[in-house]
C-alpha atoms as a PDB file:
ATOM      1  CA  UNK A   1       0.000   0.000   0.000  1.00  0.00           C
ATOM      2  CA  UNK A   2       1.362   3.412  -0.968  1.00  0.00           C
ATOM      3  CA  UNK A   3       1.115   6.309   1.457  1.00  0.00           C
ATOM      4  CA  UNK A   4      -0.474   8.523  -1.213  1.00  0.00           C
ATOM      5  CA  UNK A   5      -2.031   7.523  -4.553  1.00  0.00           C
ATOM      6  CA  UNK A   6      -4.053   8.890  -7.453  1.00  0.00           C
ATOM      7  CA  UNK A   7      -7.585   7.598  -8.061  1.00  0.00           C
ATOM      8  CA  UNK A   8      -8.418   7.859 -11.768  1.00  0.00           C
ATOM      9  CA  UNK A   9     -12.133   7.248 -11.566  1.00  0.00           C
ATOM     10  CA  UNK A  10     -12.645   9.894  -8.853  1.00  0.00           C
ATOM     11  CA  UNK A  11     -10.777  11.879  -9.710  1.00  0.00           C
ATOM     12  CA  UNK A  12      -9.381  11.895  -6.195  1.00  0.00           C
ATOM     13  CA  UNK A  13      -6.276  11.572  -4.057  1.00  0.00           C
ATOM     14  CA  UNK A  14      -6.132   8.611  -1.684  1.00  0.00           C
ATOM     15  CA  UNK A  15      -3.828   8.636   1.333  1.00  0.00           C
ATOM     16  CA  UNK A  16      -3.241   6.970   4.687  1.00  0.00           C
ATOM     17  CA  UNK A  17      -4.417   9.194   7.537  1.00  0.00           C
ATOM     18  CA  UNK A  18      -1.283   9.084   9.685  1.00  0.00           C
ATOM     19  CA  UNK A  19      -2.999  10.848  12.596  1.00  0.00           C
ATOM     20  CA  UNK A  20      -4.904   7.610  13.322  1.00  0.00           C
ATOM     21  CA  UNK A  21      -1.893   5.290  13.502  1.00  0.00           C
ATOM     22  CA  UNK A  22      -0.944   3.056  15.221  1.00  0.00           C
ATOM     23  CA  UNK A  23      -4.443   2.312  16.504  1.00  0.00           C
ATOM     24  CA  UNK A  24      -6.339   2.452  13.216  1.00  0.00           C
ATOM     25  CA  UNK A  25      -5.312   2.220   9.569  1.00  0.00           C
ATOM     26  CA  UNK A  26      -7.701   4.620   7.851  1.00  0.00           C
ATOM     27  CA  UNK A  27      -7.694   5.741   4.220  1.00  0.00           C
ATOM     28  CA  UNK A  28      -8.740   9.254   3.218  1.00  0.00           C
ATOM     29  CA  UNK A  29     -10.203   9.907  -0.234  1.00  0.00           C
ATOM     30  CA  UNK A  30      -9.926  13.611  -1.058  1.00  0.00           C
ATOM     31  CA  UNK A  31     -11.815  15.130  -3.978  1.00  0.00           C
ATOM     32  CA  UNK A  32     -10.832  18.813  -3.651  1.00  0.00           C
ATOM     33  CA  UNK A  33      -7.346  20.338  -3.857  1.00  0.00           C
ATOM     34  CA  UNK A  34      -8.008  22.448  -0.757  1.00  0.00           C
ATOM     35  CA  UNK A  35      -8.647  19.219   1.168  1.00  0.00           C
ATOM     36  CA  UNK A  36      -5.244  17.954   0.080  1.00  0.00           C
ATOM     37  CA  UNK A  37      -3.691  21.203   1.344  1.00  0.00           C
ATOM     38  CA  UNK A  38      -5.501  20.765   4.664  1.00  0.00           C
ATOM     39  CA  UNK A  39      -4.274  17.169   4.938  1.00  0.00           C
ATOM     40  CA  UNK A  40      -0.697  18.417   4.505  1.00  0.00           C
ATOM     41  CA  UNK A  41      -1.109  21.244   7.029  1.00  0.00           C
ATOM     42  CA  UNK A  42      -2.836  18.996   9.586  1.00  0.00           C
ATOM     43  CA  UNK A  43      -0.190  16.268   9.145  1.00  0.00           C
ATOM     44  CA  UNK A  44      -2.592  13.612   7.937  1.00  0.00           C
ATOM     45  CA  UNK A  45       0.228  13.162   5.428  1.00  0.00           C
ATOM     46  CA  UNK A  46       3.765  14.112   6.503  1.00  0.00           C
ATOM     47  CA  UNK A  47       7.376  13.530   5.590  1.00  0.00           C
ATOM     48  CA  UNK A  48       9.001  15.626   2.859  1.00  0.00           C
ATOM     49  CA  UNK A  49       8.734  13.112  -0.032  1.00  0.00           C
ATOM     50  CA  UNK A  50       5.139  12.180   0.853  1.00  0.00           C
ATOM     51  CA  UNK A  51       4.222  15.866   1.133  1.00  0.00           C
ATOM     52  CA  UNK A  52       5.715  16.469  -2.305  1.00  0.00           C
ATOM     53  CA  UNK A  53       3.759  13.624  -3.871  1.00  0.00           C
ATOM     54  CA  UNK A  54       0.555  14.708  -2.139  1.00  0.00           C
ATOM     55  CA  UNK A  55       1.006  18.267  -3.433  1.00  0.00           C
ATOM     56  CA  UNK A  56       1.679  16.963  -6.943  1.00  0.00           C
ATOM     57  CA  UNK A  57      -1.504  14.912  -6.901  1.00  0.00           C
ATOM     58  CA  UNK A  58      -3.375  17.829  -5.328  1.00  0.00           C
ATOM     59  CA  UNK A  59      -2.392  20.048  -8.252  1.00  0.00           C
ATOM     60  CA  UNK A  60      -3.411  17.380 -10.747  1.00  0.00           C
ATOM     61  CA  UNK A  61      -6.719  17.172  -8.912  1.00  0.00           C
ATOM     62  CA  UNK A  62      -7.122  20.938  -9.200  1.00  0.00           C
ATOM     63  CA  UNK A  63      -6.777  20.647 -12.957  1.00  0.00           C
ATOM     64  CA  UNK A  64      -9.256  17.805 -13.204  1.00  0.00           C
ATOM     65  CA  UNK A  65     -11.983  19.435 -11.091  1.00  0.00           C
ATOM     66  CA  UNK A  66     -11.590  22.866 -12.683  1.00  0.00           C
ATOM     67  CA  UNK A  67     -14.546  23.885 -14.852  1.00  0.00           C
ATOM     68  CA  UNK A  68     -12.316  26.030 -17.084  1.00  0.00           C
ATOM     69  CA  UNK A  69     -12.998  25.539 -20.780  1.00  0.00           C
ATOM     70  CA  UNK A  70      -9.860  27.161 -22.170  1.00  0.00           C
ATOM     71  CA  UNK A  71      -6.165  26.894 -21.395  1.00  0.00           C
ATOM     72  CA  UNK A  72      -5.799  30.410 -20.017  1.00  0.00           C
ATOM     73  CA  UNK A  73      -8.565  29.997 -17.451  1.00  0.00           C
ATOM     74  CA  UNK A  74      -7.303  26.548 -16.485  1.00  0.00           C
ATOM     75  CA  UNK A  75      -3.787  27.917 -15.959  1.00  0.00           C
ATOM     76  CA  UNK A  76      -5.188  30.590 -13.629  1.00  0.00           C
ATOM     77  CA  UNK A  77      -6.953  27.893 -11.607  1.00  0.00           C
ATOM     78  CA  UNK A  78      -3.724  25.905 -11.401  1.00  0.00           C
ATOM     79  CA  UNK A  79      -1.697  28.876 -10.180  1.00  0.00           C
ATOM     80  CA  UNK A  80      -4.272  29.567  -7.478  1.00  0.00           C
ATOM     81  CA  UNK A  81      -4.299  25.938  -6.348  1.00  0.00           C
ATOM     82  CA  UNK A  82      -0.505  25.807  -6.353  1.00  0.00           C
ATOM     83  CA  UNK A  83      -0.329  28.815  -4.053  1.00  0.00           C
ATOM     84  CA  UNK A  84      -2.772  27.187  -1.611  1.00  0.00           C
ATOM     85  CA  UNK A  85      -0.790  23.949  -1.616  1.00  0.00           C
ATOM     86  CA  UNK A  86       2.575  25.731  -1.376  1.00  0.00           C
ATOM     87  CA  UNK A  87       1.547  27.563   1.794  1.00  0.00           C
ATOM     88  CA  UNK A  88       0.410  24.402   3.595  1.00  0.00           C
ATOM     89  CA  UNK A  89       3.875  23.761   5.110  1.00  0.00           C
ATOM     90  CA  UNK A  90       6.846  26.038   4.428  1.00  0.00           C
ATOM     91  CA  UNK A  91       9.911  24.019   5.425  1.00  0.00           C
ATOM     92  CA  UNK A  92       9.875  20.905   3.206  1.00  0.00           C
ATOM     93  CA  UNK A  93      11.727  21.566  -0.064  1.00  0.00           C
ATOM     94  CA  UNK A  94       9.877  18.752  -1.823  1.00  0.00           C
ATOM     95  CA  UNK A  95       6.555  20.571  -1.678  1.00  0.00           C
ATOM     96  CA  UNK A  96       7.594  23.527  -3.848  1.00  0.00           C
ATOM     97  CA  UNK A  97       9.803  21.276  -6.005  1.00  0.00           C
ATOM     98  CA  UNK A  98       6.910  18.926  -6.781  1.00  0.00           C
ATOM     99  CA  UNK A  99       4.521  21.769  -7.557  1.00  0.00           C
ATOM    100  CA  UNK A 100       6.981  23.393  -9.965  1.00  0.00           C
ATOM    101  CA  UNK A 101       7.563  20.091 -11.727  1.00  0.00           C
ATOM    102  CA  UNK A 102       3.844  19.436 -12.257  1.00  0.00           C
ATOM    103  CA  UNK A 103       3.193  23.072 -13.225  1.00  0.00           C
ATOM    104  CA  UNK A 104       5.932  22.780 -15.851  1.00  0.00           C
ATOM    105  CA  UNK A 105       4.168  19.758 -17.341  1.00  0.00           C
ATOM    106  CA  UNK A 106       0.881  21.660 -17.510  1.00  0.00           C
ATOM    107  CA  UNK A 107       2.593  24.708 -18.983  1.00  0.00           C
ATOM    108  CA  UNK A 108       4.140  22.562 -21.684  1.00  0.00           C
ATOM    109  CA  UNK A 109       0.711  21.405 -22.840  1.00  0.00           C
ATOM    110  CA  UNK A 110      -1.040  24.808 -22.893  1.00  0.00           C
ATOM    111  CA  UNK A 111      -1.015  25.030 -26.678  1.00  0.00           C
ATOM    112  CA  UNK A 112      -2.724  21.648 -26.927  1.00  0.00           C
ATOM    113  CA  UNK A 113      -5.763  22.694 -24.889  1.00  0.00           C
ATOM    114  CA  UNK A 114      -7.301  21.947 -21.472  1.00  0.00           C
ATOM    115  CA  UNK A 115      -7.736  18.217 -22.008  1.00  0.00           C
ATOM    116  CA  UNK A 116      -4.064  17.757 -22.829  1.00  0.00           C
ATOM    117  CA  UNK A 117      -3.086  19.965 -19.902  1.00  0.00           C
ATOM    118  CA  UNK A 118      -5.112  17.872 -17.461  1.00  0.00           C
ATOM    119  CA  UNK A 119      -3.573  14.642 -18.716  1.00  0.00           C
ATOM    120  CA  UNK A 120      -0.086  16.137 -18.540  1.00  0.00           C
ATOM    121  CA  UNK A 121      -0.669  17.101 -14.896  1.00  0.00           C
ATOM    122  CA  UNK A 122      -1.796  13.610 -13.922  1.00  0.00           C
ATOM    123  CA  UNK A 123       1.032  11.944 -15.837  1.00  0.00           C
ATOM    124  CA  UNK A 124       3.655  14.195 -14.222  1.00  0.00           C
ATOM    125  CA  UNK A 125       2.321  13.555 -10.719  1.00  0.00           C
ATOM    126  CA  UNK A 126       2.203   9.801 -11.318  1.00  0.00           C
ATOM    127  CA  UNK A 127       5.755   9.802 -12.645  1.00  0.00           C
ATOM    128  CA  UNK A 128       6.972  11.789  -9.636  1.00  0.00           C
ATOM    129  CA  UNK A 129       5.372   9.289  -7.247  1.00  0.00           C
ATOM    130  CA  UNK A 130       6.801   6.281  -9.070  1.00  0.00           C
ATOM    131  CA  UNK A 131      10.270   7.830  -9.117  1.00  0.00           C
ATOM    132  CA  UNK A 132      10.091   8.435  -5.365  1.00  0.00           C
ATOM    133  CA  UNK A 133       9.775   4.701  -4.693  1.00  0.00           C
ATOM    134  CA  UNK A 134      12.805   3.909  -6.852  1.00  0.00           C
ATOM    135  CA  UNK A 135      14.833   6.758  -5.310  1.00  0.00           C
ATOM    136  CA  UNK A 136      14.104   5.468  -1.814  1.00  0.00           C
ATOM    137  CA  UNK A 137      15.163   1.922  -2.666  1.00  0.00           C
ATOM    138  CA  UNK A 138      18.461   3.219  -4.019  1.00  0.00           C
ATOM    139  CA  UNK A 139      19.011   5.301  -0.857  1.00  0.00           C
ATOM    140  CA  UNK A 140      18.417   2.133   1.148  1.00  0.00           C
ATOM    141  CA  UNK A 141      20.932   0.154  -0.883  1.00  0.00           C
ATOM    142  CA  UNK A 142      23.649   2.800  -0.538  1.00  0.00           C
ATOM    143  CA  UNK A 143      23.031   3.298   3.169  1.00  0.00           C
ATOM    144  CA  UNK A 144      22.677  -0.326   4.260  1.00  0.00           C
ATOM    145  CA  UNK A 145      26.431  -0.784   3.875  1.00  0.00           C
ATOM    146  CA  UNK A 146      26.932   1.783   6.665  1.00  0.00           C
ATOM    147  CA  UNK A 147      25.268  -0.458   9.265  1.00  0.00           C
ATOM    148  CA  UNK A 148      27.497  -3.184  10.753  1.00  0.00           C
ATOM    149  CA  UNK A 149      25.968  -6.615  11.279  1.00  0.00           C
ATOM    150  CA  UNK A 150      24.668  -6.896  14.840  1.00  0.00           C
ATOM    151  CA  UNK A 151      24.600  -3.119  15.371  1.00  0.00           C
ATOM    152  CA  UNK A 152      22.222  -1.026  17.446  1.00  0.00           C
ATOM    153  CA  UNK A 153      21.274   2.215  15.708  1.00  0.00           C
ATOM    154  CA  UNK A 154      19.118   5.157  16.740  1.00  0.00           C
ATOM    155  CA  UNK A 155      16.455   6.722  14.545  1.00  0.00           C
ATOM    156  CA  UNK A 156      14.643  10.031  14.975  1.00  0.00           C
ATOM    157  CA  UNK A 157      11.090  10.889  13.830  1.00  0.00           C
ATOM    158  CA  UNK A 158       9.611   8.769  11.018  1.00  0.00           C
ATOM    159  CA  UNK A 159      11.350   8.422   7.672  1.00  0.00           C
ATOM    160  CA  UNK A 160       9.857   5.148   6.522  1.00  0.00           C
ATOM    161  CA  UNK A 161       7.270   4.208   3.930  1.00  0.00           C
ATOM    162  CA  UNK A 162       4.798   6.530   5.661  1.00  0.00           C
ATOM    163  CA  UNK A 163       7.052   9.551   5.108  1.00  0.00           C
ATOM    164  CA  UNK A 164       7.441   8.773   1.407  1.00  0.00           C
ATOM    165  CA  UNK A 165       5.323   7.265  -1.339  1.00  0.00           C
ATOM    166  CA  UNK A 166       6.799   3.909  -0.320  1.00  0.00           C
ATOM    167  CA  UNK A 167       9.866   2.239   1.275  1.00  0.00           C
ATOM    168  CA  UNK A 168      11.434   5.207   3.097  1.00  0.00           C
ATOM    169  CA  UNK A 169      14.688   7.168   3.364  1.00  0.00           C
ATOM    170  CA  UNK A 170      16.568   6.792   6.679  1.00  0.00           C
ATOM    171  CA  UNK A 171      14.233   4.051   7.874  1.00  0.00           C
ATOM    172  CA  UNK A 172      14.485   2.608   4.370  1.00  0.00           C
ATOM    173  CA  UNK A 173      18.231   2.167   5.001  1.00  0.00           C
ATOM    174  CA  UNK A 174      17.464   0.228   8.180  1.00  0.00           C
ATOM    175  CA  UNK A 175      14.818  -1.781   6.348  1.00  0.00           C
ATOM    176  CA  UNK A 176      17.225  -2.584   3.493  1.00  0.00           C
ATOM    177  CA  UNK A 177      19.934  -3.704   5.937  1.00  0.00           C
ATOM    178  CA  UNK A 178      17.400  -5.995   7.630  1.00  0.00           C
ATOM    179  CA  UNK A 179      16.218  -7.405   4.295  1.00  0.00           C
ATOM    180  CA  UNK A 180      19.828  -8.134   3.319  1.00  0.00           C
ATOM    181  CA  UNK A 181      20.120 -10.407   6.346  1.00  0.00           C
ATOM    182  CA  UNK A 182      21.894  -8.136   8.812  1.00  0.00           C
ATOM    183  CA  UNK A 183      21.009  -8.462  12.472  1.00  0.00           C
ATOM    184  CA  UNK A 184      20.216  -5.088  13.965  1.00  0.00           C
ATOM    185  CA  UNK A 185      18.330  -3.362  16.760  1.00  0.00           C
ATOM    186  CA  UNK A 186      16.750   0.095  16.606  1.00  0.00           C
ATOM    187  CA  UNK A 187      16.333   2.597  19.415  1.00  0.00           C
ATOM    188  CA  UNK A 188      13.339   4.714  18.414  1.00  0.00           C
ATOM    189  CA  UNK A 189      13.173   8.287  19.696  1.00  0.00           C
ATOM    190  CA  UNK A 190       9.593   9.126  20.693  1.00  0.00           C
ATOM    191  CA  UNK A 191       9.924  12.420  18.764  1.00  0.00           C
ATOM    192  CA  UNK A 192       7.827  14.834  20.766  1.00  0.00           C
ATOM    193  CA  UNK A 193       5.417  16.530  20.636  1.00  0.00           C
ATOM    194  CA  UNK A 194       3.583  14.533  17.943  1.00  0.00           C
ATOM    195  CA  UNK A 195       5.368  11.258  18.707  1.00  0.00           C
ATOM    196  CA  UNK A 196       6.084  10.246  15.109  1.00  0.00           C
ATOM    197  CA  UNK A 197       8.725   7.840  16.384  1.00  0.00           C
ATOM    198  CA  UNK A 198       6.617   6.126  19.036  1.00  0.00           C
ATOM    199  CA  UNK A 199       3.498   6.039  16.857  1.00  0.00           C
ATOM    200  CA  UNK A 200       4.721   5.610  13.281  1.00  0.00           C
ATOM    201  CA  UNK A 201       8.286   4.303  13.232  1.00  0.00           C
ATOM    202  CA  UNK A 202       7.502   1.683  15.878  1.00  0.00           C
ATOM    203  CA  UNK A 203       4.414   0.657  13.879  1.00  0.00           C
ATOM    204  CA  UNK A 204       6.467   0.254  10.710  1.00  0.00           C
ATOM    205  CA  UNK A 205       9.210  -1.730  12.454  1.00  0.00           C
ATOM    206  CA  UNK A 206       6.511  -4.070  13.775  1.00  0.00           C
ATOM    207  CA  UNK A 207       5.384  -4.707  10.190  1.00  0.00           C
ATOM    208  CA  UNK A 208       8.942  -5.478   9.069  1.00  0.00           C
ATOM    209  CA  UNK A 209       9.815  -7.681  12.038  1.00  0.00           C
ATOM    210  CA  UNK A 210      12.793  -5.519  13.031  1.00  0.00           C
ATOM    211  CA  UNK A 211      13.878  -5.519  16.681  1.00  0.00           C
ATOM    212  CA  UNK A 212      13.335  -2.142  18.386  1.00  0.00           C
ATOM    213  CA  UNK A 213      12.792  -0.313  21.657  1.00  0.00           C
ATOM    214  CA  UNK A 214      11.162   3.101  22.131  1.00  0.00           C
ATOM    215  CA  UNK A 215      13.101   5.629  24.214  1.00  0.00           C
ATOM    216  CA  UNK A 216      12.333   9.176  25.305  1.00  0.00           C
ATOM    217  CA  UNK A 217      14.078  11.826  23.208  1.00  0.00           C
ATOM    218  CA  UNK A 218      16.193  12.897  26.164  1.00  0.00           C
ATOM    219  CA  UNK A 219      17.574   9.370  26.730  1.00  0.00           C
ATOM    220  CA  UNK A 220      19.582   9.193  23.499  1.00  0.00           C
ATOM    221  CA  UNK A 221      22.732  10.682  25.004  1.00  0.00           C
ATOM    222  CA  UNK A 222      22.755   8.114  27.812  1.00  0.00           C
ATOM    223  CA  UNK A 223      22.867   5.197  25.373  1.00  0.00           C
ATOM    224  CA  UNK A 224      25.575   6.879  23.321  1.00  0.00           C
ATOM    225  CA  UNK A 225      27.704   7.462  26.423  1.00  0.00           C
ATOM    226  CA  UNK A 226      27.439   3.763  27.221  1.00  0.00           C
ATOM    227  CA  UNK A 227      28.727   2.844  23.756  1.00  0.00           C
ATOM    228  CA  UNK A 228      25.533   1.051  22.798  1.00  0.00           C
ATOM    229  CA  UNK A 229      24.846   2.925  19.557  1.00  0.00           C
ATOM    230  CA  UNK A 230      26.811   2.397  16.350  1.00  0.00           C
ATOM    231  CA  UNK A 231      25.144   5.138  14.279  1.00  0.00           C
ATOM    232  CA  UNK A 232      22.320   7.681  14.257  1.00  0.00           C
ATOM    233  CA  UNK A 233      19.985   8.131  11.294  1.00  0.00           C
ATOM    234  CA  UNK A 234      17.701  11.026  10.389  1.00  0.00           C
ATOM    235  CA  UNK A 235      15.961  12.243   7.251  1.00  0.00           C
ATOM    236  CA  UNK A 236      15.706  15.839   6.036  1.00  0.00           C
ATOM    237  CA  UNK A 237      12.991  18.245   5.053  1.00  0.00           C
ATOM    238  CA  UNK A 238      15.533  20.542   3.407  1.00  0.00           C
ATOM    239  CA  UNK A 239      19.309  20.619   3.026  1.00  0.00           C
ATOM    240  CA  UNK A 240      21.003  23.969   2.409  1.00  0.00           C
ATOM    241  CA  UNK A 241      23.862  24.518  -0.035  1.00  0.00           C
ATOM    242  CA  UNK A 242      26.478  24.236   2.721  1.00  0.00           C
ATOM    243  CA  UNK A 243      25.004  21.017   4.148  1.00  0.00           C
ATOM    244  CA  UNK A 244      23.011  22.442   7.058  1.00  0.00           C
ATOM    245  CA  UNK A 245      19.963  20.234   7.651  1.00  0.00           C
ATOM    246  CA  UNK A 246      16.397  21.230   8.509  1.00  0.00           C
ATOM    247  CA  UNK A 247      14.723  18.238  10.099  1.00  0.00           C
ATOM    248  CA  UNK A 248      12.235  17.330  12.800  1.00  0.00           C
ATOM    249  CA  UNK A 249      12.773  19.144  16.076  1.00  0.00           C
ATOM    250  CA  UNK A 250      15.245  17.234  18.248  1.00  0.00           C
ATOM    251  CA  UNK A 251      17.581  16.340  15.386  1.00  0.00           C
ATOM    252  CA  UNK A 252      20.119  18.988  16.444  1.00  0.00           C
ATOM    253  CA  UNK A 253      20.279  17.720  20.028  1.00  0.00           C
ATOM    254  CA  UNK A 254      20.724  14.157  18.750  1.00  0.00           C
ATOM    255  CA  UNK A 255      23.554  15.332  16.481  1.00  0.00           C
ATOM    256  CA  UNK A 256      25.297  17.097  19.384  1.00  0.00           C
ATOM    257  CA  UNK A 257      25.145  13.960  21.513  1.00  0.00           C
ATOM    258  CA  UNK A 258      26.458  11.880  18.618  1.00  0.00           C
ATOM    259  CA  UNK A 259      29.386  14.255  18.032  1.00  0.00           C
ATOM    260  CA  UNK A 260      30.333  14.296  21.702  1.00  0.00           C
ATOM    261  CA  UNK A 261      30.408  10.506  21.810  1.00  0.00           C
ATOM    262  CA  UNK A 262      32.026   9.766  18.457  1.00  0.00           C
ATOM    263  CA  UNK A 263      28.855   8.236  16.973  1.00  0.00           C
ATOM    264  CA  UNK A 264      28.382   8.474  13.212  1.00  0.00           C
ATOM    265  CA  UNK A 265      25.482  10.779  12.304  1.00  0.00           C
ATOM    266  CA  UNK A 266      23.908  10.045   8.910  1.00  0.00           C
ATOM    267  CA  UNK A 267      21.276  12.041   7.040  1.00  0.00           C
ATOM    268  CA  UNK A 268      19.307  10.204   4.344  1.00  0.00           C
ATOM    269  CA  UNK A 269      18.038  12.624   1.724  1.00  0.00           C
ATOM    270  CA  UNK A 270      16.730  12.400  -1.840  1.00  0.00           C
ATOM    271  CA  UNK A 271      18.317  14.976  -4.129  1.00  0.00           C
ATOM    272  CA  UNK A 272      14.878  16.613  -4.420  1.00  0.00           C
ATOM    273  CA  UNK A 273      15.290  17.812  -0.813  1.00  0.00           C
ATOM    274  CA  UNK A 274      18.596  19.586  -1.519  1.00  0.00           C
ATOM    275  CA  UNK A 275      18.035  23.308  -2.014  1.00  0.00           C
ATOM    276  CA  UNK A 276      21.082  25.151  -3.352  1.00  0.00           C
ATOM    277  CA  UNK A 277      19.078  28.404  -3.439  1.00  0.00           C
ATOM    278  CA  UNK A 278      19.518  28.746   0.335  1.00  0.00           C
ATOM    279  CA  UNK A 279      23.157  29.227   1.411  1.00  0.00           C
ATOM    280  CA  UNK A 280      22.814  27.874   4.939  1.00  0.00           C
ATOM    281  CA  UNK A 281      20.363  26.809   7.611  1.00  0.00           C
ATOM    282  CA  UNK A 282      19.613  30.361   8.721  1.00  0.00           C
ATOM    283  CA  UNK A 283      17.863  30.946   5.382  1.00  0.00           C
ATOM    284  CA  UNK A 284      15.500  27.981   5.760  1.00  0.00           C
ATOM    285  CA  UNK A 285      11.995  28.939   6.979  1.00  0.00           C
ATOM    286  CA  UNK A 286      11.081  27.038  10.139  1.00  0.00           C
ATOM    287  CA  UNK A 287       7.426  26.218  10.656  1.00  0.00           C
ATOM    288  CA  UNK A 288       5.932  27.214  14.013  1.00  0.00           C
ATOM    289  CA  UNK A 289       2.993  24.978  14.825  1.00  0.00           C
ATOM    290  CA  UNK A 290       0.055  25.371  17.210  1.00  0.00           C
ATOM    291  CA  UNK A 291       1.245  25.478  20.869  1.00  0.00           C
ATOM    292  CA  UNK A 292      -1.668  23.170  21.693  1.00  0.00           C
ATOM    293  CA  UNK A 293       0.370  20.277  20.276  1.00  0.00           C
ATOM    294  CA  UNK A 294       2.692  20.749  23.260  1.00  0.00           C
ATOM    295  CA  UNK A 295       0.208  21.880  25.896  1.00  0.00           C
ATOM    296  CA  UNK A 296      -2.457  19.245  25.242  1.00  0.00           C
ATOM    297  CA  UNK A 297      -0.179  16.243  25.765  1.00  0.00           C
ATOM    298  CA  UNK A 298      -1.718  13.948  28.350  1.00  0.00           C
ATOM    299  CA  UNK A 299      -0.197  11.735  31.045  1.00  0.00           C
ATOM    300  CA  UNK A 300      -2.427   9.066  32.608  1.00  0.00           C
ATOM    301  CA  UNK A 301      -5.411  10.666  30.923  1.00  0.00           C
ATOM    302  CA  UNK A 302      -4.725  14.107  32.383  1.00  0.00           C
ATOM    303  CA  UNK A 303      -3.471  17.210  30.603  1.00  0.00           C
ATOM    304  CA  UNK A 304       0.200  17.643  31.469  1.00  0.00           C
ATOM    305  CA  UNK A 305       0.486  21.450  31.498  1.00  0.00           C
ATOM    306  CA  UNK A 306      -1.275  23.724  34.009  1.00  0.00           C
ATOM    307  CA  UNK A 307      -4.165  25.788  32.701  1.00  0.00           C
ATOM    308  CA  UNK A 308      -2.927  29.136  31.444  1.00  0.00           C
ATOM    309  CA  UNK A 309       0.454  27.780  30.388  1.00  0.00           C
ATOM    310  CA  UNK A 310       2.035  29.042  27.201  1.00  0.00           C
ATOM    311  CA  UNK A 311       4.294  27.085  24.854  1.00  0.00           C
ATOM    312  CA  UNK A 312       6.473  27.408  21.780  1.00  0.00           C
ATOM    313  CA  UNK A 313       6.365  24.733  19.125  1.00  0.00           C
ATOM    314  CA  UNK A 314       8.917  24.861  16.282  1.00  0.00           C
ATOM    315  CA  UNK A 315       8.364  21.856  14.031  1.00  0.00           C
ATOM    316  CA  UNK A 316      12.003  21.682  12.883  1.00  0.00           C
ATOM    317  CA  UNK A 317      15.512  22.649  13.898  1.00  0.00           C
ATOM    318  CA  UNK A 318      18.769  23.162  12.023  1.00  0.00           C
ATOM    319  CA  UNK A 319      21.645  20.712  12.370  1.00  0.00           C
ATOM    320  CA  UNK A 320      24.914  22.399  11.278  1.00  0.00           C
ATOM    321  CA  UNK A 321      26.780  20.568   8.550  1.00  0.00           C
ATOM    322  CA  UNK A 322      29.823  20.156  10.811  1.00  0.00           C
ATOM    323  CA  UNK A 323      27.842  17.607  12.861  1.00  0.00           C
ATOM    324  CA  UNK A 324      26.849  15.462   9.857  1.00  0.00           C
ATOM    325  CA  UNK A 325      29.092  12.481   9.106  1.00  0.00           C
ATOM    326  CA  UNK A 326      27.646  11.848   5.654  1.00  0.00           C
ATOM    327  CA  UNK A 327      24.572  12.263   3.479  1.00  0.00           C
ATOM    328  CA  UNK A 328      23.050   9.198   1.858  1.00  0.00           C
ATOM    329  CA  UNK A 329      21.366  10.023  -1.467  1.00  0.00           C
ATOM    330  CA  UNK A 330      19.999   7.921  -4.307  1.00  0.00           C
ATOM    331  CA  UNK A 331      23.275   8.635  -6.134  1.00  0.00           C
ATOM    332  CA  UNK A 332      25.559   7.528  -3.338  1.00  0.00           C
ATOM    333  CA  UNK A 333      27.095   8.558  -0.010  1.00  0.00           C
ATOM    334  CA  UNK A 334      28.385  12.144   0.231  1.00  0.00           C
ATOM    335  CA  UNK A 335      31.275  13.054   2.513  1.00  0.00           C
ATOM    336  CA  UNK A 336      32.653  16.506   3.439  1.00  0.00           C
ATOM    337  CA  UNK A 337      33.268  19.064   2.101  1.00  0.00           C
ATOM    338  CA  UNK A 338      29.514  19.119   1.599  1.00  0.00           C
ATOM    339  CA  UNK A 339      29.150  22.305  -0.482  1.00  0.00           C
ATOM    340  CA  UNK A 340      31.051  20.698  -3.350  1.00  0.00           C
ATOM    341  CA  UNK A 341      29.496  17.268  -2.870  1.00  0.00           C
ATOM    342  CA  UNK A 342      25.912  18.563  -2.804  1.00  0.00           C
ATOM    343  CA  UNK A 343      26.389  20.743  -5.882  1.00  0.00           C
ATOM    344  CA  UNK A 344      27.977  17.844  -7.734  1.00  0.00           C
ATOM    345  CA  UNK A 345      25.276  15.329  -6.875  1.00  0.00           C
ATOM    346  CA  UNK A 346      22.519  17.759  -7.947  1.00  0.00           C
ATOM    347  CA  UNK A 347      24.295  18.276 -11.246  1.00  0.00           C
ATOM    348  CA  UNK A 348      24.388  14.511 -11.737  1.00  0.00           C
ATOM    349  CA  UNK A 349      20.706  14.182 -10.770  1.00  0.00           C
ATOM    350  CA  UNK A 350      19.645  16.835 -13.277  1.00  0.00           C
ATOM    351  CA  UNK A 351      21.736  15.225 -16.012  1.00  0.00           C
ATOM    352  CA  UNK A 352      20.217  11.770 -15.482  1.00  0.00           C
END
């Protein structure tokens, strides 16, 4: 089952509602582009590659449900829908990248009329989704070699099949190592405040039969100090030109603990998440989410925070490139200096 799919006879976009996991596996069928945007903003679908695919399908849906009868009017509807989708979450590079790719396909068919434009949009979105699965499998193959047989590794947030169209990035590396016959154990950061690790990564590891234990985010350093962890793995929502990484909040603290204890810190990233237009992490917009996600957490059925409390809730942080051991992309493993390596791998990706 793919995380997000196109439904031809809808037309509609079908996706797993990740807010319901691990207790219920529910499928959403969305028939309006604004509903796709809401699903992205509300984190029914999350993870940079999955967000990109959802946005691509959302734009294709906008073209199909538009009542425009000429190319000019249809293009105006597409631009409006793209702006709505683009604003759903600002940090993930894949969202804007996917929209531009599908818009380019529609633009290329303008002279052929609305029907051709609509088909071009659907075809481009489908191709993007199919490519994501292949990209993730190649990331897994390159990264699996980094995990020693019998190792314990730590993983932050969720970067598995749920965060992509299928298979996964950082968790895909762990999955690929397991499928190749390596024995391994995973320490799963809870990933507060939305608990993507405890809810989603643990659920995926159950499906794959991979040994794991859930730990609180703050416990990671303890296990590193004890020498129990061979490597740390994260994904990325955006990588700047110098190698700074925007990823789920808590990634920076994990990277600091890894550096202090000599633990390899790997970032799995498709080339579509590399953004050379931003020079460093300071230029990456960081999404601030509703404080209620922090304040409404419950312990033993009771709200944790006192009434009247205030909170701050950044969804991501920036890990400086100096703390990253290597990037694992679909085109191979990148080592420092990252500015040259990232520029080179993007050039290769565009040429292929």
